[in-house]
Each structure stands twice: as C-alpha cells, then as structure tokens.
PDB file of N, CA and C in Angstrom:
ATOM      1  N   UNK A   1    -106.911 -85.251  64.785  1.00  0.00           N
ATOM      2  CA  UNK A   1    -105.991 -86.827  65.896  1.00  0.00           C
ATOM      3  C   UNK A   1    -107.327 -86.537  66.907  1.00  0.00           C
ATOM      4  N   UNK A   2    -107.971 -88.299  67.925  1.00  0.00           N
ATOM      5  CA  UNK A   2    -108.031 -88.330  69.073  1.00  0.00           C
ATOM      6  C   UNK A   2    -107.390 -87.578  70.274  1.00  0.00           C
ATOM      7  N   UNK A   3    -108.286 -87.379  71.248  1.00  0.00           N
ATOM      8  CA  UNK A   3    -108.036 -87.516  72.728  1.00  0.00           C
ATOM      9  C   UNK A   3    -109.146 -87.642  73.192  1.00  0.00           C
ATOM     10  N   UNK A   4    -108.701 -87.690  75.094  1.00  0.00           N
ATOM     11  CA  UNK A   4    -108.801 -87.461  76.010  1.00  0.00           C
ATOM     12  C   UNK A   4    -109.839 -86.364  76.694  1.00  0.00           C
ATOM     13  N   UNK A   5    -110.224 -85.708  77.372  1.00  0.00           N
ATOM     14  CA  UNK A   5    -110.613 -84.392  77.937  1.00  0.00           C
ATOM     15  C   UNK A   5    -110.980 -84.753  79.612  1.00  0.00           C
ATOM     16  N   UNK A   6    -110.738 -84.680  80.437  1.00  0.00           N
ATOM     17  CA  UNK A   6    -111.809 -85.554  81.807  1.00  0.00           C
ATOM     18  C   UNK A   6    -110.978 -83.506  82.607  1.00  0.00           C
ATOM     19  N   UNK A   7    -112.425 -82.846  82.357  1.00  0.00           N
ATOM     20  CA  UNK A   7    -112.619 -81.390  83.426  1.00  0.00           C
ATOM     21  C   UNK A   7    -113.429 -82.206  85.000  1.00  0.00           C
ATOM     22  N   UNK A   8    -114.339 -80.960  85.812  1.00  0.00           N
ATOM     23  CA  UNK A   8    -114.318 -81.018  87.062  1.00  0.00           C
ATOM     24  C   UNK A   8    -115.975 -80.667  86.166  1.00  0.00           C
ATOM     25  N   UNK A   9    -116.484 -81.301  87.060  1.00  0.00           N
ATOM     26  CA  UNK A   9    -118.357 -80.353  87.094  1.00  0.00           C
ATOM     27  C   UNK A   9    -118.185 -79.836  88.287  1.00  0.00           C
ATOM     28  N   UNK A  10    -119.800 -79.352  88.785  1.00  0.00           N
ATOM     29  CA  UNK A  10    -120.096 -77.948  89.178  1.00  0.00           C
ATOM     30  C   UNK A  10    -119.889 -79.373  91.662  1.00  0.00           C
ATOM     31  N   UNK A  11    -120.182 -80.374  90.839  1.00  0.00           N
ATOM     32  CA  UNK A  11    -120.230 -80.884  92.097  1.00  0.00           C
ATOM     33  C   UNK A  11    -118.923 -81.829  92.792  1.00  0.00           C
ATOM     34  N   UNK A  12    -117.678 -81.583  91.887  1.00  0.00           N
ATOM     35  CA  UNK A  12    -116.320 -81.418  91.760  1.00  0.00           C
ATOM     36  C   UNK A  12    -116.167 -83.513  91.341  1.00  0.00           C
ATOM     37  N   UNK A  13    -116.837 -83.225  90.110  1.00  0.00           N
ATOM     38  CA  UNK A  13    -117.086 -84.721  89.652  1.00  0.00           C
ATOM     39  C   UNK A  13    -116.132 -84.897  88.709  1.00  0.00           C
ATOM     40  N   UNK A  14    -115.163 -85.707  88.412  1.00  0.00           N
ATOM     41  CA  UNK A  14    -114.349 -86.163  86.755  1.00  0.00           C
ATOM     42  C   UNK A  14    -115.577 -85.716  85.655  1.00  0.00           C
ATOM     43  N   UNK A  15    -116.179 -85.506  84.752  1.00  0.00           N
ATOM     44  CA  UNK A  15    -116.038 -85.931  83.545  1.00  0.00           C
ATOM     45  C   UNK A  15    -114.999 -85.771  82.266  1.00  0.00           C
ATOM     46  N   UNK A  16    -115.182 -86.814  81.556  1.00  0.00           N
ATOM     47  CA  UNK A  16    -114.590 -86.864  80.326  1.00  0.00           C
ATOM     48  C   UNK A  16    -115.500 -87.042  78.987  1.00  0.00           C
ATOM     49  N   UNK A  17    -114.490 -87.202  78.133  1.00  0.00           N
ATOM     50  CA  UNK A  17    -115.390 -86.930  76.496  1.00  0.00           C
ATOM     51  C   UNK A  17    -114.413 -86.841  76.011  1.00  0.00           C
ATOM     52  N   UNK A  18    -114.212 -87.842  74.512  1.00  0.00           N
ATOM     53  CA  UNK A  18    -113.717 -88.169  73.271  1.00  0.00           C
ATOM     54  C   UNK A  18    -113.679 -86.696  72.504  1.00  0.00           C
ATOM     55  N   UNK A  19    -112.345 -85.998  72.207  1.00  0.00           N
ATOM     56  CA  UNK A  19    -113.105 -84.981  71.236  1.00  0.00           C
ATOM     57  C   UNK A  19    -111.289 -85.817  70.105  1.00  0.00           C
ATOM     58  N   UNK A  20    -112.556 -84.327  69.277  1.00  0.00           N
ATOM     59  CA  UNK A  20    -110.891 -83.840  68.361  1.00  0.00           C
ATOM     60  C   UNK A  20    -110.066 -83.253  68.397  1.00  0.00           C
ATOM     61  N   UNK A  21    -108.872 -82.953  68.374  1.00  0.00           N
ATOM     62  CA  UNK A  21    -108.406 -81.749  68.429  1.00  0.00           C
ATOM     63  C   UNK A  21    -106.790 -81.952  67.510  1.00  0.00           C
ATOM     64  N   UNK A  22    -106.133 -80.916  67.344  1.00  0.00           N
ATOM     65  CA  UNK A  22    -104.915 -80.106  66.890  1.00  0.00           C
ATOM     66  C   UNK A  22    -103.752 -79.704  67.881  1.00  0.00           C
ATOM     67  N   UNK A  23    -102.828 -79.109  67.122  1.00  0.00           N
ATOM     68  CA  UNK A  23    -102.421 -78.462  67.991  1.00  0.00           C
ATOM     69  C   UNK A  23    -101.659 -77.371  66.999  1.00  0.00           C
ATOM     70  N   UNK A  24    -100.490 -76.560  67.819  1.00  0.00           N
ATOM     71  CA  UNK A  24     -99.862 -75.190  67.397  1.00  0.00           C
ATOM     72  C   UNK A  24     -98.333 -75.662  66.883  1.00  0.00           C
ATOM     73  N   UNK A  25     -97.959 -74.633  66.620  1.00  0.00           N
ATOM     74  CA  UNK A  25     -97.055 -75.317  66.386  1.00  0.00           C
ATOM     75  C   UNK A  25     -95.839 -74.884  67.758  1.00  0.00           C
ATOM     76  N   UNK A  26     -96.522 -74.484  68.371  1.00  0.00           N
ATOM     77  CA  UNK A  26     -95.874 -73.709  70.037  1.00  0.00           C
ATOM     78  C   UNK A  26     -97.085 -74.890  70.926  1.00  0.00           C
ATOM     79  N   UNK A  27     -96.900 -75.758  70.065  1.00  0.00           N
ATOM     80  CA  UNK A  27     -97.882 -77.412  71.139  1.00  0.00           C
ATOM     81  C   UNK A  27     -99.196 -76.852  72.412  1.00  0.00           C
ATOM     82  N   UNK A  28     -99.571 -75.346  71.499  1.00  0.00           N
ATOM     83  CA  UNK A  28    -100.568 -75.539  72.349  1.00  0.00           C
ATOM     84  C   UNK A  28    -101.879 -76.987  71.807  1.00  0.00           C
ATOM     85  N   UNK A  29    -102.785 -77.156  72.794  1.00  0.00           N
ATOM     86  CA  UNK A  29    -104.019 -78.435  72.430  1.00  0.00           C
ATOM     87  C   UNK A  29    -104.996 -77.242  71.194  1.00  0.00           C
ATOM     88  N   UNK A  30    -105.450 -77.455  70.676  1.00  0.00           N
ATOM     89  CA  UNK A  30    -106.864 -76.974  70.308  1.00  0.00           C
ATOM     90  C   UNK A  30    -108.074 -77.631  70.569  1.00  0.00           C
ATOM     91  N   UNK A  31    -108.726 -77.619  70.709  1.00  0.00           N
ATOM     92  CA  UNK A  31    -110.079 -78.165  70.375  1.00  0.00           C
ATOM     93  C   UNK A  31    -111.676 -77.071  70.055  1.00  0.00           C
ATOM     94  N   UNK A  32    -112.068 -77.294  69.427  1.00  0.00           N
ATOM     95  CA  UNK A  32    -113.873 -76.921  69.958  1.00  0.00           C
ATOM     96  C   UNK A  32    -114.570 -77.489  71.163  1.00  0.00           C
ATOM     97  N   UNK A  33    -115.736 -76.970  71.367  1.00  0.00           N
ATOM     98  CA  UNK A  33    -116.645 -77.662  71.660  1.00  0.00           C
ATOM     99  C   UNK A  33    -118.555 -76.754  71.581  1.00  0.00           C
ATOM    100  N   UNK A  34    -119.413 -76.702  71.995  1.00  0.00           N
ATOM    101  CA  UNK A  34    -120.387 -76.132  72.298  1.00  0.00           C
ATOM    102  C   UNK A  34    -120.491 -75.447  73.485  1.00  0.00           C
ATOM    103  N   UNK A  35    -120.918 -73.927  73.256  1.00  0.00           N
ATOM    104  CA  UNK A  35    -121.102 -73.706  74.509  1.00  0.00           C
ATOM    105  C   UNK A  35    -122.264 -74.277  75.406  1.00  0.00           C
ATOM    106  N   UNK A  36    -122.795 -74.865  74.766  1.00  0.00           N
ATOM    107  CA  UNK A  36    -123.971 -75.534  76.015  1.00  0.00           C
ATOM    108  C   UNK A  36    -123.663 -76.964  76.198  1.00  0.00           C
ATOM    109  N   UNK A  37    -122.710 -76.797  75.854  1.00  0.00           N
ATOM    110  CA  UNK A  37    -122.274 -78.192  76.670  1.00  0.00           C
ATOM    111  C   UNK A  37    -121.568 -78.122  78.296  1.00  0.00           C
ATOM    112  N   UNK A  38    -122.165 -79.745  78.372  1.00  0.00           N
ATOM    113  CA  UNK A  38    -121.468 -79.624  79.618  1.00  0.00           C
ATOM    114  C   UNK A  38    -119.798 -79.784  80.007  1.00  0.00           C
ATOM    115  N   UNK A  39    -118.707 -80.322  78.598  1.00  0.00           N
ATOM    116  CA  UNK A  39    -117.098 -79.212  78.683  1.00  0.00           C
ATOM    117  C   UNK A  39    -116.987 -78.570  78.946  1.00  0.00           C
ATOM    118  N   UNK A  40    -117.667 -77.418  78.124  1.00  0.00           N
ATOM    119  CA  UNK A  40    -117.524 -75.882  77.990  1.00  0.00           C
ATOM    120  C   UNK A  40    -117.997 -75.840  79.245  1.00  0.00           C
ATOM    121  N   UNK A  41    -119.674 -75.467  80.370  1.00  0.00           N
ATOM    122  CA  UNK A  41    -119.645 -75.000  81.642  1.00  0.00           C
ATOM    123  C   UNK A  41    -117.963 -75.546  82.362  1.00  0.00           C
ATOM    124  N   UNK A  42    -118.201 -76.853  82.069  1.00  0.00           N
ATOM    125  CA  UNK A  42    -116.769 -77.567  83.223  1.00  0.00           C
ATOM    126  C   UNK A  42    -115.756 -76.585  82.733  1.00  0.00           C
ATOM    127  N   UNK A  43    -115.880 -75.876  82.160  1.00  0.00           N
ATOM    128  CA  UNK A  43    -113.703 -75.140  81.729  1.00  0.00           C
ATOM    129  C   UNK A  43    -114.600 -74.184  82.235  1.00  0.00           C
ATOM    130  N   UNK A  44    -115.441 -73.897  81.537  1.00  0.00           N
ATOM    131  CA  UNK A  44    -115.869 -72.098  82.252  1.00  0.00           C
ATOM    132  C   UNK A  44    -115.343 -71.721  83.927  1.00  0.00           C
ATOM    133  N   UNK A  45    -116.296 -73.176  84.718  1.00  0.00           N
ATOM    134  CA  UNK A  45    -115.753 -72.614  85.637  1.00  0.00           C
ATOM    135  C   UNK A  45    -114.571 -72.853  86.745  1.00  0.00           C
ATOM    136  N   UNK A  46    -114.086 -73.390  86.131  1.00  0.00           N
ATOM    137  CA  UNK A  46    -112.951 -73.894  86.442  1.00  0.00           C
ATOM    138  C   UNK A  46    -112.000 -75.109  85.671  1.00  0.00           C
ATOM    139  N   UNK A  47    -110.853 -74.477  85.139  1.00  0.00           N
ATOM    140  CA  UNK A  47    -109.704 -74.616  83.706  1.00  0.00           C
ATOM    141  C   UNK A  47    -109.229 -76.007  84.043  1.00  0.00           C
ATOM    142  N   UNK A  48    -109.529 -76.624  85.322  1.00  0.00           N
ATOM    143  CA  UNK A  48    -108.449 -77.387  85.692  1.00  0.00           C
ATOM    144  C   UNK A  48    -108.803 -79.006  84.475  1.00  0.00           C
ATOM    145  N   UNK A  49    -107.998 -79.790  83.823  1.00  0.00           N
ATOM    146  CA  UNK A  49    -108.447 -80.486  83.232  1.00  0.00           C
ATOM    147  C   UNK A  49    -107.317 -81.749  82.933  1.00  0.00           C
ATOM    148  N   UNK A  50    -107.198 -82.654  82.267  1.00  0.00           N
ATOM    149  CA  UNK A  50    -106.213 -83.842  82.263  1.00  0.00           C
ATOM    150  C   UNK A  50    -105.866 -84.071  80.637  1.00  0.00           C
ATOM    151  N   UNK A  51    -105.027 -84.152  79.960  1.00  0.00           N
ATOM    152  CA  UNK A  51    -106.002 -85.225  78.572  1.00  0.00           C
ATOM    153  C   UNK A  51    -104.832 -86.071  78.201  1.00  0.00           C
ATOM    154  N   UNK A  52    -105.643 -86.428  77.534  1.00  0.00           N
ATOM    155  CA  UNK A  52    -104.645 -88.033  76.897  1.00  0.00           C
ATOM    156  C   UNK A  52    -105.031 -87.534  75.773  1.00  0.00           C
ATOM    157  N   UNK A  53    -103.765 -88.012  74.710  1.00  0.00           N
ATOM    158  CA  UNK A  53    -103.572 -88.271  73.364  1.00  0.00           C
ATOM    159  C   UNK A  53    -102.968 -90.111  73.339  1.00  0.00           C
ATOM    160  N   UNK A  54    -103.496 -90.842  72.455  1.00  0.00           N
ATOM    161  CA  UNK A  54    -102.699 -91.569  71.869  1.00  0.00           C
ATOM    162  C   UNK A  54    -102.063 -91.523  70.706  1.00  0.00           C
ATOM    163  N   UNK A  55    -101.622 -90.283  70.513  1.00  0.00           N
ATOM    164  CA  UNK A  55    -100.960 -90.845  68.895  1.00  0.00           C
ATOM    165  C   UNK A  55    -100.184 -91.326  68.424  1.00  0.00           C
ATOM    166  N   UNK A  56     -99.970 -92.449  67.319  1.00  0.00           N
ATOM    167  CA  UNK A  56     -99.111 -92.513  66.721  1.00  0.00           C
ATOM    168  C   UNK A  56     -98.271 -92.178  64.928  1.00  0.00           C
ATOM    169  N   UNK A  57     -97.343 -91.135  65.518  1.00  0.00           N
ATOM    170  CA  UNK A  57     -96.828 -90.725  64.157  1.00  0.00           C
ATOM    171  C   UNK A  57     -96.549 -92.021  62.787  1.00  0.00           C
ATOM    172  N   UNK A  58     -96.659 -91.818  62.104  1.00  0.00           N
ATOM    173  CA  UNK A  58     -96.258 -92.776  60.666  1.00  0.00           C
ATOM    174  C   UNK A  58     -95.285 -92.921  59.565  1.00  0.00           C
ATOM    175  N   UNK A  59     -94.571 -91.167  60.495  1.00  0.00           N
ATOM    176  CA  UNK A  59     -94.811 -90.800  59.227  1.00  0.00           C
ATOM    177  C   UNK A  59     -93.721 -90.524  58.604  1.00  0.00           C
ATOM    178  N   UNK A  60     -93.042 -91.397  59.547  1.00  0.00           N
ATOM    179  CA  UNK A  60     -91.467 -91.630  60.528  1.00  0.00           C
ATOM    180  C   UNK A  60     -90.218 -92.698  59.012  1.00  0.00           C
TER     181      UNK A  60
END
C-alpha cells in the first residue's frame, strides 16, 4: 500500500514523501526508510507526523 508522510525539518518546514507501508493487527503503521534520508533525520529530531493513505479495500 502507498501513503504519504509529512515530517518537520530542522527549520520547521513541512516535508512530505510518498512511502510504501503496511500495518499490524493492532493497526500500527510500519514503513522503512534509509537512515541517511531527510525523513529519517526529521523523525529522529521530531516524531510529530501527518500520515495520509488512500487505500481502497476491493476484497469485500
């Protein structure tokens, strides 16, 4: 599944990135990122995020 995560940069600007993600049975969102990415650096310094997913469940 794809989603969009917005983080906060060092200069308090929003930065948004498309990510692939999954979720656990408890509805925790899981995604991977490189430890050299801006997203990773932003999350280490400020864990506040916005997350948007446009998932359509066509298995009903």
